[in-house]
Amino acid sequence: MKIVADTGKCVGAGQCVRTAPELFDQAEGDGLVVVLNPEPEDALLPAVGEAVDLCPGRALSLLR
């Protein structure tokens, strides 16, 4: 699986960071999403799915 983040859609709410801090961060300047590990292990799939679902800007997607 691969996490894809569209910074053009990101609103900087930080839900992804709260949900999966081991996978996401926010850029210091603008607060936009930074994917720390674009190809996480399968055990993290539930956290990735929750982050995708909670993203208010719909900036995250998961490619399988």
Protein backbone atom coordinates (compact mmCIF):
# COMPACT_ATOMS: atom_id res chain seq x y z
CA MET A 1 0.00 0.00 0.00
CA LYS A 2 1.07 3.58 -0.56
CA ILE A 3 -0.11 6.79 1.10
CA VAL A 4 -0.62 9.73 -1.24
CA ALA A 5 -1.10 13.26 0.06
CA ASP A 6 -2.39 16.13 -2.07
CA THR A 7 -1.04 19.29 -0.45
CA GLY A 8 -3.28 21.32 -2.74
CA LYS A 9 -6.29 19.95 -0.86
CA CYS A 10 -4.76 19.90 2.63
CA VAL A 11 -6.26 22.46 5.02
CA GLY A 12 -3.71 21.88 7.79
CA ALA A 13 -6.20 20.59 10.36
CA GLY A 14 -3.73 17.99 11.66
CA GLN A 15 -6.19 15.12 12.05
CA CYS A 16 -3.73 12.80 10.32
CA VAL A 17 -0.97 13.67 12.80
CA ARG A 18 -3.27 13.09 15.76
CA THR A 19 -4.41 9.77 14.31
CA ALA A 20 -1.05 8.37 13.13
CA PRO A 21 1.92 10.48 14.29
CA GLU A 22 4.30 7.74 13.18
CA LEU A 23 3.14 8.27 9.58
CA PHE A 24 2.27 11.96 9.30
CA ASP A 25 3.63 15.34 10.31
CA GLN A 26 2.85 18.94 9.43
CA ALA A 27 5.21 21.35 7.68
CA GLU A 28 6.43 24.09 10.00
CA GLY A 29 5.75 26.97 7.63
CA ASP A 30 2.24 26.27 6.39
CA GLY A 31 1.05 23.32 8.47
CA LEU A 32 0.38 21.15 5.44
CA VAL A 33 0.63 17.38 5.63
CA VAL A 34 3.99 15.64 5.34
CA VAL A 35 3.96 11.88 4.83
CA LEU A 36 6.78 10.41 6.90
CA ASN A 37 6.42 6.85 5.63
CA PRO A 38 4.56 6.58 2.30
CA GLU A 39 4.71 2.76 2.28
CA PRO A 40 3.86 1.65 5.82
CA GLU A 41 3.60 -1.93 7.01
CA ASP A 42 0.25 -3.68 6.87
CA ALA A 43 -0.19 -3.50 10.65
CA LEU A 44 -0.66 0.28 10.30
CA LEU A 45 -3.50 -0.06 7.78
CA PRO A 46 -6.25 0.70 10.34
CA ALA A 47 -4.53 3.95 11.39
CA VAL A 48 -4.01 4.97 7.76
CA GLY A 49 -7.65 4.27 6.95
CA GLU A 50 -8.79 6.34 9.91
CA ALA A 51 -6.53 9.24 8.91
CA VAL A 52 -7.90 9.12 5.35
CA ASP A 53 -11.48 9.09 6.65
CA LEU A 54 -10.92 11.95 9.11
CA CYS A 55 -9.11 14.28 6.71
CA PRO A 56 -11.41 17.31 6.30
CA GLY A 57 -9.78 18.38 3.04
CA ARG A 58 -9.85 14.86 1.57
CA ALA A 59 -6.14 15.31 0.89
CA LEU A 60 -5.14 11.74 1.75
CA SER A 61 -5.63 8.55 -0.19
CA LEU A 62 -4.39 5.00 0.10
CA LEU A 63 -3.32 3.11 -3.01
CA ARG A 64 -3.31 -0.66 -2.73
